């Protein structure tokens, strides 16, 4: 057995002189996946301003609105909010929910002749686009009247085309619930002040985000000017969202996608706005600024959009615009996918802190770092065994 002992000793000596790769070397080719953020939906139920800044985050602007929300339109993550679920009258921003509910039911090129009954019951002092009995309009004309002029007359006609006023109210209520908007109570589909009619900055942001996922909705809400037919002629109408048009001394916001503004004496000024910059889209909602006049709602929305774009990656989300059921279903789907992909994928998908290690336990080498020494030992021992067998049996055979 001297050959075996000599070969083993040689293998050991070889292992002592060979450099062994560090255990951390394998990490270079497999970057650590980003930690998933835990979003506490109950945080938005708290009063006051909610924000979770990281180092380097910009400071939130000081706003006078009773309630506001700024969120990422793609992910639904709420970046910051103030009294997000406070019930307040929405004014014409409720038309966003009306559009989400009624828009899919009729082709834009469909034509409709207006009857007298369809124009009854319009509230006193309502904003109008000028729809006339007996005139025939394309559906797209009526929607321009809703989004640009906030025309309650156009809303009444479209509601009649979709089952009538009471039916539209019920449809909108069901749509709000389906979107996870639990603060909204619909009484008048056009947003006209009515006892008990409320929404919230959170719900309005939900409606705005959902609208931006529909190309037709986005086309209407971002249109600055359009021609509205009046029989044998037409007249121009302009969008009343000053951030979109730059009217009344309000500077246009770069990348603005519009959405909807509103005003009543009871609701004050309200606004839902979306904007895109650098491949990122934000949605903000602002309800009833308390100072600065009638145009303050636009300037406060501007400040929120600026802050939201500057804060990208530097704040933790304080909530989500996605329905709670959808968030939970998404988490379950991710867990199932990770389990099917294997243990390494499951570890990568786990939330930060979900994998616990003994702080005194060192990581074992992986890959080639561990395989190289073991391969050398196996080769040396195999060579020694072969030599011994040859000397023992091979010599006898000669």
Foldseek 3Di string as FASTA:
>chain_A
DVLLVVLLVVLVVVVVPDDFDDQCPVCVVPPFFDFDFDADACLLQDAAKDWFFFPPADDADDFQFQWKWKAFLPFQFTHMIHNQLDWFQAFQLLVLLLCVQQVVPDDQQDKDAAAPVLQPPDDPPFFAPDDDHRDMDGLVLLLLRCQARVHPSSSSRSCVVVPHFVVSQVSSVVSLVVQQQPNAHGDGSSSPDDPPGTGGNLSSLSSVSVQVVDPVSLVSQLDAKDWHDDPPGTDMTGHPQCLRVVPPPRDHDPQKSGRHWRADPRFQTKGWTWGDDPNTIMIMIGTHRDDDPNCSNVVSVSSSVVSVVSRVPGIRGNHGSGHPVVVVVVVVVLCVVQVVVHDVSNVSPDHPPPDDDDPVDDDDRDDPSVVVSVVSSVVSSVVSVVVVCCVVPVVVVD
